[in-house]
Amino acid sequence: MAILVLVRHAQTIWNAEERWQGQTDIPLSPEGEVEVGHLARRLARERFDLVVMGRHARGRIAGSIASSAPCTVVTMPITPQSR
């Protein structure tokens, strides 16, 4: 049986300020860094066959935690059609 796990990026500086970031690559806030630690502990025992992540740092951080065990990793390009 296949299981789909969705993980959104952690809080960024602009998220904390309630600003839209869109395609701008904004770093994680201090709270976001705490959230990443929680995510790492939660996913530590999980194994994935495939991890798909966005190209922004906020998405790559979550994706790299999920892909810490050997698996296929795909970074999705941002194209005009995907915006």
C-alpha atoms as a PDB file:
ATOM      1  CA  MET A   1       0.000   0.000   0.000  1.00  0.00           C
ATOM      2  CA  ALA A   2       1.338   3.434  -0.945  1.00  0.00           C
ATOM      3  CA  ILE A   3       1.248   6.216   1.641  1.00  0.00           C
ATOM      4  CA  LEU A   4       1.502   9.897   0.724  1.00  0.00           C
ATOM      5  CA  VAL A   5       3.066  12.248   3.275  1.00  0.00           C
ATOM      6  CA  LEU A   6       2.836  16.000   2.666  1.00  0.00           C
ATOM      7  CA  VAL A   7       5.090  18.398   4.552  1.00  0.00           C
ATOM      8  CA  ARG A   8       4.888  22.155   4.168  1.00  0.00           C
ATOM      9  CA  HIS A   9       7.988  24.253   4.713  1.00  0.00           C
ATOM     10  CA  ALA A  10       8.550  25.704   8.163  1.00  0.00           C
ATOM     11  CA  GLN A  11       7.783  29.309   9.078  1.00  0.00           C
ATOM     12  CA  THR A  12       9.820  31.949   7.258  1.00  0.00           C
ATOM     13  CA  ILE A  13      10.589  35.488   8.362  1.00  0.00           C
ATOM     14  CA  TRP A  14       7.889  36.791   6.033  1.00  0.00           C
ATOM     15  CA  ASN A  15       5.349  34.204   7.271  1.00  0.00           C
ATOM     16  CA  ALA A  16       5.927  35.561  10.788  1.00  0.00           C
ATOM     17  CA  GLU A  17       5.249  39.072   9.468  1.00  0.00           C
ATOM     18  CA  GLU A  18       2.114  37.839   7.628  1.00  0.00           C
ATOM     19  CA  ARG A  19       3.640  38.828   4.289  1.00  0.00           C
ATOM     20  CA  TRP A  20       3.197  36.920   1.029  1.00  0.00           C
ATOM     21  CA  GLN A  21       6.495  35.607  -0.291  1.00  0.00           C
ATOM     22  CA  GLY A  22       5.504  33.929  -3.540  1.00  0.00           C
ATOM     23  CA  GLN A  23       8.646  33.129  -5.513  1.00  0.00           C
ATOM     24  CA  THR A  24      10.997  35.076  -3.215  1.00  0.00           C
ATOM     25  CA  ASP A  25      13.418  32.794  -1.350  1.00  0.00           C
ATOM     26  CA  ILE A  26      13.045  33.970   2.261  1.00  0.00           C
ATOM     27  CA  PRO A  27      15.023  32.335   5.112  1.00  0.00           C
ATOM     28  CA  LEU A  28      13.381  30.525   7.986  1.00  0.00           C
ATOM     29  CA  SER A  29      12.456  32.453  11.110  1.00  0.00           C
ATOM     30  CA  PRO A  30      13.754  31.351  14.527  1.00  0.00           C
ATOM     31  CA  GLU A  31      10.364  29.645  15.046  1.00  0.00           C
ATOM     32  CA  GLY A  32      10.785  27.953  11.664  1.00  0.00           C
ATOM     33  CA  GLU A  33      14.134  26.555  12.776  1.00  0.00           C
ATOM     34  CA  VAL A  34      12.422  25.099  15.871  1.00  0.00           C
ATOM     35  CA  GLU A  35       9.734  23.596  13.603  1.00  0.00           C
ATOM     36  CA  VAL A  36      12.456  21.986  11.471  1.00  0.00           C
ATOM     37  CA  GLY A  37      13.849  20.335  14.613  1.00  0.00           C
ATOM     38  CA  HIS A  38      10.386  18.934  15.420  1.00  0.00           C
ATOM     39  CA  LEU A  39      10.052  17.677  11.843  1.00  0.00           C
ATOM     40  CA  ALA A  40      13.452  15.988  11.986  1.00  0.00           C
ATOM     41  CA  ARG A  41      12.518  14.139  15.170  1.00  0.00           C
ATOM     42  CA  ARG A  42       9.100  13.166  13.777  1.00  0.00           C
ATOM     43  CA  LEU A  43      10.522  11.781  10.524  1.00  0.00           C
ATOM     44  CA  ALA A  44      13.668  10.197  12.006  1.00  0.00           C
ATOM     45  CA  ARG A  45      12.276   6.647  11.785  1.00  0.00           C
ATOM     46  CA  GLU A  46      10.398   7.057   8.513  1.00  0.00           C
ATOM     47  CA  ARG A  47      11.730   5.775   5.190  1.00  0.00           C
ATOM     48  CA  PHE A  48      10.589   7.190   1.863  1.00  0.00           C
ATOM     49  CA  ASP A  49      10.920   5.868  -1.672  1.00  0.00           C
ATOM     50  CA  LEU A  50      10.587   9.305  -3.247  1.00  0.00           C
ATOM     51  CA  VAL A  51      10.961  12.871  -1.981  1.00  0.00           C
ATOM     52  CA  VAL A  52       9.818  15.784  -4.149  1.00  0.00           C
ATOM     53  CA  MET A  53      10.774  19.283  -3.038  1.00  0.00           C
ATOM     54  CA  GLY A  54      10.693  22.815  -4.341  1.00  0.00           C
ATOM     55  CA  ARG A  55      13.774  24.783  -5.322  1.00  0.00           C
ATOM     56  CA  HIS A  56      13.532  27.369  -2.533  1.00  0.00           C
ATOM     57  CA  ALA A  57      15.614  26.880   0.605  1.00  0.00           C
ATOM     58  CA  ARG A  58      12.480  26.643   2.765  1.00  0.00           C
ATOM     59  CA  GLY A  59      11.302  23.596   0.811  1.00  0.00           C
ATOM     60  CA  ARG A  60      14.732  22.035   0.375  1.00  0.00           C
ATOM     61  CA  ILE A  61      15.285  22.042   4.148  1.00  0.00           C
ATOM     62  CA  ALA A  62      12.101  20.033   4.762  1.00  0.00           C
ATOM     63  CA  GLY A  63      12.921  17.770   1.804  1.00  0.00           C
ATOM     64  CA  SER A  64      16.456  17.102   2.984  1.00  0.00           C
ATOM     65  CA  ILE A  65      15.156  16.017   6.396  1.00  0.00           C
ATOM     66  CA  ALA A  66      12.716  13.609   4.762  1.00  0.00           C
ATOM     67  CA  SER A  67      15.416  12.268   2.433  1.00  0.00           C
ATOM     68  CA  SER A  68      18.071  11.627   5.080  1.00  0.00           C
ATOM     69  CA  ALA A  69      17.796   7.897   4.285  1.00  0.00           C
ATOM     70  CA  PRO A  70      18.600   6.657   0.773  1.00  0.00           C
ATOM     71  CA  CYS A  71      15.761   7.422  -1.631  1.00  0.00           C
ATOM     72  CA  THR A  72      15.062   9.118  -4.941  1.00  0.00           C
ATOM     73  CA  VAL A  73      15.073  12.914  -4.593  1.00  0.00           C
ATOM     74  CA  VAL A  74      13.517  15.216  -7.200  1.00  0.00           C
ATOM     75  CA  THR A  75      13.742  18.998  -7.029  1.00  0.00           C
ATOM     76  CA  MET A  76      10.848  20.525  -8.918  1.00  0.00           C
ATOM     77  CA  PRO A  77      11.765  23.400 -11.209  1.00  0.00           C
ATOM     78  CA  ILE A  78       9.722  26.577 -11.094  1.00  0.00           C
ATOM     79  CA  THR A  79       8.246  27.238 -14.505  1.00  0.00           C
ATOM     80  CA  PRO A  80       5.681  29.800 -15.667  1.00  0.00           C
ATOM     81  CA  GLN A  81       3.134  26.939 -15.843  1.00  0.00           C
ATOM     82  CA  SER A  82       3.717  25.909 -12.183  1.00  0.00           C
ATOM     83  CA  ARG A  83       3.294  29.359 -10.648  1.00  0.00           C
END
